């Protein structure tokens, strides 16, 4: 889960995820949307892949990047569990 939060900490990576929400894309298509070098985009894609937020599938000479909905579902469930967890009275009693 730490790698997911690290990946989400960067605005460029969050924007890449927004782009992939709409459709699967190649690295070149993603790079066209940013004013940065292709190696920089590749670095961001690598971090997203390692976190599990993005999958990469080779099709011919291209790699197609896709949003990994499974990890997003786990992340959403994590936040719902965090929000809905009822405190255990024994664990939250202040010690005197």
PDB file of N, CA and C in Angstrom:
ATOM      1  N   UNK A   1       0.826  -1.194   0.000  1.00  0.00           N
ATOM      2  CA  UNK A   1       0.000   0.000   0.000  1.00  0.00           C
ATOM      3  C   UNK A   1       0.873   1.262   0.000  1.00  0.00           C
ATOM      4  N   UNK A   2       2.069   1.198   0.601  1.00  0.00           N
ATOM      5  CA  UNK A   2       2.949   2.372   0.632  1.00  0.00           C
ATOM      6  C   UNK A   2       3.337   2.832  -0.768  1.00  0.00           C
ATOM      7  N   UNK A   3       3.582   1.871  -1.668  1.00  0.00           N
ATOM      8  CA  UNK A   3       3.968   2.251  -3.023  1.00  0.00           C
ATOM      9  C   UNK A   3       2.816   2.937  -3.753  1.00  0.00           C
ATOM     10  N   UNK A   4       1.588   2.581  -3.410  1.00  0.00           N
ATOM     11  CA  UNK A   4       0.417   3.231  -4.012  1.00  0.00           C
ATOM     12  C   UNK A   4       0.363   4.691  -3.571  1.00  0.00           C
ATOM     13  N   UNK A   5       0.542   4.927  -2.285  1.00  0.00           N
ATOM     14  CA  UNK A   5       0.510   6.306  -1.795  1.00  0.00           C
ATOM     15  C   UNK A   5       1.669   7.126  -2.357  1.00  0.00           C
ATOM     16  N   UNK A   6       2.848   6.511  -2.480  1.00  0.00           N
ATOM     17  CA  UNK A   6       3.983   7.212  -3.080  1.00  0.00           C
ATOM     18  C   UNK A   6       3.654   7.589  -4.521  1.00  0.00           C
ATOM     19  N   UNK A   7       3.053   6.673  -5.257  1.00  0.00           N
ATOM     20  CA  UNK A   7       2.700   6.947  -6.656  1.00  0.00           C
ATOM     21  C   UNK A   7       1.670   8.061  -6.754  1.00  0.00           C
ATOM     22  N   UNK A   8       0.718   8.069  -5.850  1.00  0.00           N
ATOM     23  CA  UNK A   8      -0.343   9.074  -5.884  1.00  0.00           C
ATOM     24  C   UNK A   8       0.125  10.441  -5.388  1.00  0.00           C
ATOM     25  N   UNK A   9       1.293  10.501  -4.791  1.00  0.00           N
ATOM     26  CA  UNK A   9       1.801  11.743  -4.231  1.00  0.00           C
ATOM     27  C   UNK A   9       2.243  12.755  -5.285  1.00  0.00           C
ATOM     28  N   UNK A  10       2.370  12.315  -6.522  1.00  0.00           N
ATOM     29  CA  UNK A  10       2.884  13.192  -7.577  1.00  0.00           C
ATOM     30  C   UNK A  10       1.753  13.631  -8.512  1.00  0.00           C
ATOM     31  N   UNK A  11       1.632  14.939  -8.796  1.00  0.00           N
ATOM     32  CA  UNK A  11       0.545  15.423  -9.656  1.00  0.00           C
ATOM     33  C   UNK A  11       0.614  14.892 -11.095  1.00  0.00           C
ATOM     34  N   UNK A  12       1.811  14.675 -11.606  1.00  0.00           N
ATOM     35  CA  UNK A  12       1.926  14.123 -12.962  1.00  0.00           C
ATOM     36  C   UNK A  12       1.359  12.709 -13.008  1.00  0.00           C
ATOM     37  N   UNK A  13       1.686  11.905 -12.009  1.00  0.00           N
ATOM     38  CA  UNK A  13       1.170  10.531 -11.981  1.00  0.00           C
ATOM     39  C   UNK A  13      -0.342  10.514 -11.790  1.00  0.00           C
ATOM     40  N   UNK A  14      -0.862  11.430 -10.990  1.00  0.00           N
ATOM     41  CA  UNK A  14      -2.321  11.504 -10.839  1.00  0.00           C
ATOM     42  C   UNK A  14      -2.977  11.872 -12.162  1.00  0.00           C
ATOM     43  N   UNK A  15      -2.345  12.763 -12.928  1.00  0.00           N
ATOM     44  CA  UNK A  15      -2.898  13.148 -14.224  1.00  0.00           C
ATOM     45  C   UNK A  15      -2.819  11.978 -15.213  1.00  0.00           C
ATOM     46  N   UNK A  16      -1.759  11.204 -15.167  1.00  0.00           N
ATOM     47  CA  UNK A  16      -1.671  10.014 -16.011  1.00  0.00           C
ATOM     48  C   UNK A  16      -2.814   9.060 -15.687  1.00  0.00           C
ATOM     49  N   UNK A  17      -3.110   8.869 -14.423  1.00  0.00           N
ATOM     50  CA  UNK A  17      -4.225   7.998 -14.032  1.00  0.00           C
ATOM     51  C   UNK A  17      -5.550   8.534 -14.567  1.00  0.00           C
ATOM     52  N   UNK A  18      -5.722   9.859 -14.533  1.00  0.00           N
ATOM     53  CA  UNK A  18      -6.953  10.454 -15.082  1.00  0.00           C
ATOM     54  C   UNK A  18      -7.063  10.185 -16.584  1.00  0.00           C
ATOM     55  N   UNK A  19      -5.943  10.302 -17.290  1.00  0.00           N
ATOM     56  CA  UNK A  19      -5.949  10.019 -18.719  1.00  0.00           C
ATOM     57  C   UNK A  19      -6.319   8.555 -18.988  1.00  0.00           C
ATOM     58  N   UNK A  20      -5.759   7.648 -18.205  1.00  0.00           N
ATOM     59  CA  UNK A  20      -6.017   6.226 -18.411  1.00  0.00           C
ATOM     60  C   UNK A  20      -7.416   5.825 -17.966  1.00  0.00           C
ATOM     61  N   UNK A  21      -8.041   6.663 -17.180  1.00  0.00           N
ATOM     62  CA  UNK A  21      -9.433   6.410 -16.787  1.00  0.00           C
ATOM     63  C   UNK A  21     -10.326   6.415 -18.024  1.00  0.00           C
ATOM     64  N   UNK A  22     -10.004   7.271 -18.978  1.00  0.00           N
ATOM     65  CA  UNK A  22     -10.830   7.411 -20.177  1.00  0.00           C
ATOM     66  C   UNK A  22     -10.535   6.350 -21.230  1.00  0.00           C
ATOM     67  N   UNK A  23      -9.241   5.981 -21.368  1.00  0.00           N
ATOM     68  CA  UNK A  23      -8.891   4.963 -22.371  1.00  0.00           C
ATOM     69  C   UNK A  23      -7.475   4.460 -22.134  1.00  0.00           C
ATOM     70  N   UNK A  24      -7.177   3.265 -22.624  1.00  0.00           N
ATOM     71  CA  UNK A  24      -5.826   2.728 -22.587  1.00  0.00           C
ATOM     72  C   UNK A  24      -4.979   3.523 -23.580  1.00  0.00           C
ATOM     73  N   UNK A  25      -3.705   3.710 -23.245  1.00  0.00           N
ATOM     74  CA  UNK A  25      -2.836   4.538 -24.075  1.00  0.00           C
ATOM     75  C   UNK A  25      -1.424   3.972 -24.118  1.00  0.00           C
ATOM     76  N   UNK A  26      -0.695   4.312 -25.173  1.00  0.00           N
ATOM     77  CA  UNK A  26       0.728   4.001 -25.240  1.00  0.00           C
ATOM     78  C   UNK A  26       1.501   5.097 -24.500  1.00  0.00           C
ATOM     79  N   UNK A  27       2.780   4.829 -24.238  1.00  0.00           N
ATOM     80  CA  UNK A  27       3.618   5.828 -23.582  1.00  0.00           C
ATOM     81  C   UNK A  27       3.718   7.088 -24.437  1.00  0.00           C
ATOM     82  N   UNK A  28       3.809   6.912 -25.753  1.00  0.00           N
ATOM     83  CA  UNK A  28       3.880   8.065 -26.652  1.00  0.00           C
ATOM     84  C   UNK A  28       2.632   8.921 -26.581  1.00  0.00           C
ATOM     85  N   UNK A  29       1.466   8.284 -26.541  1.00  0.00           N
ATOM     86  CA  UNK A  29       0.206   9.036 -26.439  1.00  0.00           C
ATOM     87  C   UNK A  29       0.139   9.793 -25.115  1.00  0.00           C
ATOM     88  N   UNK A  30       0.610   9.144 -24.057  1.00  0.00           N
ATOM     89  CA  UNK A  30       0.619   9.805 -22.742  1.00  0.00           C
ATOM     90  C   UNK A  30       1.591  10.985 -22.767  1.00  0.00           C
ATOM     91  N   UNK A  31       2.779  10.771 -23.337  1.00  0.00           N
ATOM     92  CA  UNK A  31       3.806  11.818 -23.372  1.00  0.00           C
ATOM     93  C   UNK A  31       3.335  13.050 -24.133  1.00  0.00           C
ATOM     94  N   UNK A  32       2.497  12.855 -25.152  1.00  0.00           N
ATOM     95  CA  UNK A  32       1.977  13.990 -25.929  1.00  0.00           C
ATOM     96  C   UNK A  32       1.157  14.953 -25.077  1.00  0.00           C
ATOM     97  N   UNK A  33       0.630  14.482 -23.967  1.00  0.00           N
ATOM     98  CA  UNK A  33      -0.230  15.304 -23.108  1.00  0.00           C
ATOM     99  C   UNK A  33       0.556  16.142 -22.103  1.00  0.00           C
ATOM    100  N   UNK A  34       1.880  15.953 -22.058  1.00  0.00           N
ATOM    101  CA  UNK A  34       2.705  16.627 -21.056  1.00  0.00           C
ATOM    102  C   UNK A  34       3.849  17.388 -21.711  1.00  0.00           C
ATOM    103  N   UNK A  35       4.313  18.408 -21.025  1.00  0.00           N
ATOM    104  CA  UNK A  35       5.466  19.176 -21.475  1.00  0.00           C
ATOM    105  C   UNK A  35       6.686  18.696 -20.696  1.00  0.00           C
ATOM    106  N   UNK A  36       7.069  17.449 -20.968  1.00  0.00           N
ATOM    107  CA  UNK A  36       8.260  16.875 -20.333  1.00  0.00           C
ATOM    108  C   UNK A  36       8.824  15.809 -21.254  1.00  0.00           C
ATOM    109  N   UNK A  37      10.014  15.362 -20.955  1.00  0.00           N
ATOM    110  CA  UNK A  37      10.682  14.392 -21.824  1.00  0.00           C
ATOM    111  C   UNK A  37      10.031  13.014 -21.718  1.00  0.00           C
ATOM    112  N   UNK A  38      10.198  12.231 -22.769  1.00  0.00           N
ATOM    113  CA  UNK A  38       9.675  10.863 -22.757  1.00  0.00           C
ATOM    114  C   UNK A  38      10.320  10.013 -21.660  1.00  0.00           C
ATOM    115  N   UNK A  39      11.631  10.165 -21.406  1.00  0.00           N
ATOM    116  CA  UNK A  39      12.202   9.408 -20.281  1.00  0.00           C
ATOM    117  C   UNK A  39      11.556   9.764 -18.936  1.00  0.00           C
ATOM    118  N   UNK A  40      11.171  11.013 -18.753  1.00  0.00           N
ATOM    119  CA  UNK A  40      10.482  11.408 -17.515  1.00  0.00           C
ATOM    120  C   UNK A  40       9.130  10.727 -17.417  1.00  0.00           C
ATOM    121  N   UNK A  41       8.396  10.676 -18.525  1.00  0.00           N
ATOM    122  CA  UNK A  41       7.095   9.987 -18.543  1.00  0.00           C
ATOM    123  C   UNK A  41       7.302   8.505 -18.256  1.00  0.00           C
ATOM    124  N   UNK A  42       8.335   7.918 -18.860  1.00  0.00           N
ATOM    125  CA  UNK A  42       8.631   6.501 -18.618  1.00  0.00           C
ATOM    126  C   UNK A  42       8.906   6.240 -17.147  1.00  0.00           C
ATOM    127  N   UNK A  43       9.610   7.155 -16.509  1.00  0.00           N
ATOM    128  CA  UNK A  43       9.881   7.028 -15.071  1.00  0.00           C
ATOM    129  C   UNK A  43       8.572   7.027 -14.274  1.00  0.00           C
ATOM    130  N   UNK A  44       7.676   7.949 -14.592  1.00  0.00           N
ATOM    131  CA  UNK A  44       6.382   8.012 -13.905  1.00  0.00           C
ATOM    132  C   UNK A  44       5.577   6.740 -14.162  1.00  0.00           C
ATOM    133  N   UNK A  45       5.579   6.258 -15.395  1.00  0.00           N
ATOM    134  CA  UNK A  45       4.855   5.027 -15.717  1.00  0.00           C
ATOM    135  C   UNK A  45       5.434   3.833 -14.965  1.00  0.00           C
ATOM    136  N   UNK A  46       6.746   3.801 -14.818  1.00  0.00           N
ATOM    137  CA  UNK A  46       7.387   2.713 -14.071  1.00  0.00           C
ATOM    138  C   UNK A  46       6.934   2.706 -12.612  1.00  0.00           C
ATOM    139  N   UNK A  47       6.880   3.866 -12.003  1.00  0.00           N
ATOM    140  CA  UNK A  47       6.421   3.957 -10.614  1.00  0.00           C
ATOM    141  C   UNK A  47       4.959   3.513 -10.510  1.00  0.00           C
ATOM    142  N   UNK A  48       4.133   3.937 -11.465  1.00  0.00           N
ATOM    143  CA  UNK A  48       2.722   3.527 -11.460  1.00  0.00           C
ATOM    144  C   UNK A  48       2.582   2.019 -11.655  1.00  0.00           C
ATOM    145  N   UNK A  49       3.419   1.443 -12.507  1.00  0.00           N
ATOM    146  CA  UNK A  49       3.387  -0.007 -12.712  1.00  0.00           C
ATOM    147  C   UNK A  49       3.814  -0.746 -11.454  1.00  0.00           C
ATOM    148  N   UNK A  50       4.913  -0.309 -10.836  1.00  0.00           N
ATOM    149  CA  UNK A  50       5.412  -0.971  -9.626  1.00  0.00           C
ATOM    150  C   UNK A  50       4.413  -0.886  -8.477  1.00  0.00           C
ATOM    151  N   UNK A  51       3.620   0.176  -8.446  1.00  0.00           N
ATOM    152  CA  UNK A  51       2.617   0.321  -7.388  1.00  0.00           C
ATOM    153  C   UNK A  51       1.385  -0.539  -7.666  1.00  0.00           C
ATOM    154  N   UNK A  52       1.256  -0.987  -8.914  1.00  0.00           N
ATOM    155  CA  UNK A  52       0.092  -1.793  -9.287  1.00  0.00           C
ATOM    156  C   UNK A  52      -1.080  -0.976  -9.788  1.00  0.00           C
ATOM    157  N   UNK A  53      -0.946   0.345  -9.820  1.00  0.00           N
ATOM    158  CA  UNK A  53      -2.040   1.199 -10.275  1.00  0.00           C
ATOM    159  C   UNK A  53      -2.253   1.125 -11.782  1.00  0.00           C
ATOM    160  N   UNK A  54      -1.195   0.730 -12.502  1.00  0.00           N
ATOM    161  CA  UNK A  54      -1.234   0.663 -13.958  1.00  0.00           C
ATOM    162  C   UNK A  54      -0.686  -0.692 -14.395  1.00  0.00           C
ATOM    163  N   UNK A  55      -1.289  -1.248 -15.429  1.00  0.00           N
ATOM    164  CA  UNK A  55      -0.751  -2.463 -16.034  1.00  0.00           C
ATOM    165  C   UNK A  55      -0.220  -2.113 -17.418  1.00  0.00           C
ATOM    166  N   UNK A  56       0.711  -2.921 -17.898  1.00  0.00           N
ATOM    167  CA  UNK A  56       1.304  -2.708 -19.214  1.00  0.00           C
ATOM    168  C   UNK A  56       1.208  -4.005 -20.005  1.00  0.00           C
ATOM    169  N   UNK A  57       0.687  -3.909 -21.227  1.00  0.00           N
ATOM    170  CA  UNK A  57       0.531  -5.067 -22.106  1.00  0.00           C
ATOM    171  C   UNK A  57       1.223  -4.776 -23.426  1.00  0.00           C
ATOM    172  N   UNK A  58       2.109  -5.673 -23.827  1.00  0.00           N
ATOM    173  CA  UNK A  58       2.820  -5.481 -25.101  1.00  0.00           C
ATOM    174  C   UNK A  58       1.921  -5.933 -26.243  1.00  0.00           C
ATOM    175  N   UNK A  59       1.737  -5.039 -27.217  1.00  0.00           N
ATOM    176  CA  UNK A  59       0.983  -5.337 -28.429  1.00  0.00           C
ATOM    177  C   UNK A  59       1.843  -4.924 -29.617  1.00  0.00           C
ATOM    178  N   UNK A  60       2.457  -5.915 -30.240  1.00  0.00           N
ATOM    179  CA  UNK A  60       3.379  -5.609 -31.326  1.00  0.00           C
ATOM    180  C   UNK A  60       4.572  -4.868 -30.774  1.00  0.00           C
ATOM    181  N   UNK A  61       4.871  -3.737 -31.376  1.00  0.00           N
ATOM    182  CA  UNK A  61       6.010  -2.943 -30.909  1.00  0.00           C
ATOM    183  C   UNK A  61       5.633  -1.920 -29.843  1.00  0.00           C
ATOM    184  N   UNK A  62       4.352  -1.878 -29.470  1.00  0.00           N
ATOM    185  CA  UNK A  62       3.875  -0.901 -28.498  1.00  0.00           C
ATOM    186  C   UNK A  62       3.564  -1.559 -27.159  1.00  0.00           C
ATOM    187  N   UNK A  63       3.641  -0.757 -26.118  1.00  0.00           N
ATOM    188  CA  UNK A  63       3.175  -1.174 -24.797  1.00  0.00           C
ATOM    189  C   UNK A  63       1.960  -0.324 -24.491  1.00  0.00           C
ATOM    190  N   UNK A  64       0.865  -1.002 -24.190  1.00  0.00           N
ATOM    191  CA  UNK A  64      -0.388  -0.318 -23.883  1.00  0.00           C
ATOM    192  C   UNK A  64      -0.543  -0.266 -22.366  1.00  0.00           C
ATOM    193  N   UNK A  65      -0.757   0.929 -21.842  1.00  0.00           N
ATOM    194  CA  UNK A  65      -0.933   1.128 -20.408  1.00  0.00           C
ATOM    195  C   UNK A  65      -2.424   1.248 -20.087  1.00  0.00           C
ATOM    196  N   UNK A  66      -2.811   0.591 -19.004  1.00  0.00           N
ATOM    197  CA  UNK A  66      -4.213   0.572 -18.573  1.00  0.00           C
ATOM    198  C   UNK A  66      -4.285   0.827 -17.076  1.00  0.00           C
ATOM    199  N   UNK A  67      -5.380   1.399 -16.669  1.00  0.00           N
ATOM    200  CA  UNK A  67      -5.664   1.596 -15.253  1.00  0.00           C
ATOM    201  C   UNK A  67      -6.002   0.247 -14.634  1.00  0.00           C
ATOM    202  N   UNK A  68      -5.438  -0.065 -13.496  1.00  0.00           N
ATOM    203  CA  UNK A  68      -5.722  -1.321 -12.803  1.00  0.00           C
ATOM    204  C   UNK A  68      -6.824  -1.076 -11.777  1.00  0.00           C
ATOM    205  N   UNK A  69      -8.039  -1.390 -12.152  1.00  0.00           N
ATOM    206  CA  UNK A  69      -9.197  -1.118 -11.292  1.00  0.00           C
ATOM    207  C   UNK A  69      -9.157  -1.933 -10.007  1.00  0.00           C
ATOM    208  N   UNK A  70      -8.514  -3.093 -10.026  1.00  0.00           N
ATOM    209  CA  UNK A  70      -8.450  -3.929  -8.825  1.00  0.00           C
ATOM    210  C   UNK A  70      -7.755  -3.203  -7.687  1.00  0.00           C
ATOM    211  N   UNK A  71      -6.623  -2.581  -7.976  1.00  0.00           N
ATOM    212  CA  UNK A  71      -5.895  -1.837  -6.939  1.00  0.00           C
ATOM    213  C   UNK A  71      -6.715  -0.641  -6.478  1.00  0.00           C
ATOM    214  N   UNK A  72      -7.390   0.018  -7.401  1.00  0.00           N
ATOM    215  CA  UNK A  72      -8.231   1.160  -7.019  1.00  0.00           C
ATOM    216  C   UNK A  72      -9.365   0.708  -6.100  1.00  0.00           C
ATOM    217  N   UNK A  73      -9.955  -0.441  -6.395  1.00  0.00           N
ATOM    218  CA  UNK A  73     -11.002  -0.980  -5.520  1.00  0.00           C
ATOM    219  C   UNK A  73     -10.454  -1.263  -4.128  1.00  0.00           C
ATOM    220  N   UNK A  74      -9.249  -1.843  -4.056  1.00  0.00           N
ATOM    221  CA  UNK A  74      -8.627  -2.110  -2.754  1.00  0.00           C
ATOM    222  C   UNK A  74      -8.361  -0.815  -1.995  1.00  0.00           C
ATOM    223  N   UNK A  75      -7.920   0.205  -2.710  1.00  0.00           N
ATOM    224  CA  UNK A  75      -7.648   1.500  -2.096  1.00  0.00           C
ATOM    225  C   UNK A  75      -8.936   2.124  -1.554  1.00  0.00           C
ATOM    226  N   UNK A  76      -9.981   2.069  -2.343  1.00  0.00           N
ATOM    227  CA  UNK A  76     -11.280   2.600  -1.898  1.00  0.00           C
ATOM    228  C   UNK A  76     -11.775   1.846  -0.677  1.00  0.00           C
ATOM    229  N   UNK A  77     -11.656   0.527  -0.709  1.00  0.00           N
ATOM    230  CA  UNK A  77     -12.077  -0.282   0.443  1.00  0.00           C
ATOM    231  C   UNK A  77     -11.256   0.047   1.678  1.00  0.00           C
ATOM    232  N   UNK A  78      -9.961   0.306   1.497  1.00  0.00           N
ATOM    233  CA  UNK A  78      -9.109   0.691   2.613  1.00  0.00           C
ATOM    234  C   UNK A  78      -9.638   1.952   3.285  1.00  0.00           C
ATOM    235  N   UNK A  79      -9.993   2.961   2.476  1.00  0.00           N
ATOM    236  CA  UNK A  79     -10.492   4.211   3.030  1.00  0.00           C
ATOM    237  C   UNK A  79     -11.868   4.037   3.671  1.00  0.00           C
ATOM    238  N   UNK A  80     -12.733   3.237   3.058  1.00  0.00           N
ATOM    239  CA  UNK A  80     -14.037   2.972   3.668  1.00  0.00           C
ATOM    240  C   UNK A  80     -13.873   2.253   5.001  1.00  0.00           C
ATOM    241  N   UNK A  81     -12.981   1.273   5.054  1.00  0.00           N
ATOM    242  CA  UNK A  81     -12.731   0.555   6.309  1.00  0.00           C
ATOM    243  C   UNK A  81     -12.186   1.495   7.368  1.00  0.00           C
ATOM    244  N   UNK A  82     -11.302   2.389   6.954  1.00  0.00           N
ATOM    245  CA  UNK A  82     -10.724   3.355   7.883  1.00  0.00           C
ATOM    246  C   UNK A  82     -11.802   4.271   8.446  1.00  0.00           C
ATOM    247  N   UNK A  83     -12.666   4.731   7.553  1.00  0.00           N
ATOM    248  CA  UNK A  83     -13.721   5.659   7.955  1.00  0.00           C
ATOM    249  C   UNK A  83     -14.774   4.983   8.820  1.00  0.00           C
ATOM    250  N   UNK A  84     -15.109   3.743   8.511  1.00  0.00           N
ATOM    251  CA  UNK A  84     -16.220   3.068   9.183  1.00  0.00           C
ATOM    252  C   UNK A  84     -15.809   2.229  10.375  1.00  0.00           C
ATOM    253  N   UNK A  85     -14.520   2.130  10.657  1.00  0.00           N
ATOM    254  CA  UNK A  85     -14.067   1.315  11.784  1.00  0.00           C
ATOM    255  C   UNK A  85     -14.559   1.929  13.085  1.00  0.00           C
ATOM    256  N   UNK A  86     -15.235   1.111  13.857  1.00  0.00           N
ATOM    257  CA  UNK A  86     -15.713   1.549  15.166  1.00  0.00           C
ATOM    258  C   UNK A  86     -14.614   1.297  16.183  1.00  0.00           C
ATOM    259  N   UNK A  87     -14.280   2.291  16.979  1.00  0.00           N
ATOM    260  CA  UNK A  87     -13.203   2.090  17.950  1.00  0.00           C
ATOM    261  C   UNK A  87     -13.600   1.067  19.002  1.00  0.00           C
ATOM    262  N   UNK A  88     -12.640   0.287  19.441  1.00  0.00           N
ATOM    263  CA  UNK A  88     -12.834  -0.683  20.511  1.00  0.00           C
ATOM    264  C   UNK A  88     -12.661   0.085  21.820  1.00  0.00           C
ATOM    265  N   UNK A  89     -13.678   0.068  22.641  1.00  0.00           N
ATOM    266  CA  UNK A  89     -13.646   0.849  23.889  1.00  0.00           C
ATOM    267  C   UNK A  89     -12.453   0.503  24.756  1.00  0.00           C
ATOM    268  N   UNK A  90     -12.046  -0.755  24.780  1.00  0.00           N
ATOM    269  CA  UNK A  90     -10.907  -1.163  25.603  1.00  0.00           C
ATOM    270  C   UNK A  90      -9.604  -0.574  25.096  1.00  0.00           C
ATOM    271  N   UNK A  91      -9.485  -0.422  23.770  1.00  0.00           N
ATOM    272  CA  UNK A  91      -8.252   0.100  23.188  1.00  0.00           C
ATOM    273  C   UNK A  91      -8.140   1.615  23.325  1.00  0.00           C
ATOM    274  N   UNK A  92      -9.256   2.306  23.491  1.00  0.00           N
ATOM    275  CA  UNK A  92      -9.225   3.766  23.489  1.00  0.00           C
ATOM    276  C   UNK A  92      -9.340   4.390  24.869  1.00  0.00           C
ATOM    277  N   UNK A  93      -9.338   3.573  25.926  1.00  0.00           N
ATOM    278  CA  UNK A  93      -9.409   4.137  27.277  1.00  0.00           C
ATOM    279  C   UNK A  93      -8.066   4.767  27.620  1.00  0.00           C
ATOM    280  N   UNK A  94      -8.130   5.970  28.120  1.00  0.00           N
ATOM    281  CA  UNK A  94      -6.910   6.668  28.514  1.00  0.00           C
ATOM    282  C   UNK A  94      -6.375   6.038  29.794  1.00  0.00           C
ATOM    283  N   UNK A  95      -5.083   5.895  29.835  1.00  0.00           N
ATOM    284  CA  UNK A  95      -4.480   5.347  31.054  1.00  0.00           C
ATOM    285  C   UNK A  95      -4.186   6.488  32.006  1.00  0.00           C
ATOM    286  N   UNK A  96      -4.361   6.232  33.285  1.00  0.00           N
ATOM    287  CA  UNK A  96      -4.134   7.262  34.299  1.00  0.00           C
ATOM    288  C   UNK A  96      -2.794   7.121  34.919  1.00  0.00           C
TER     289      UNK A  96
END
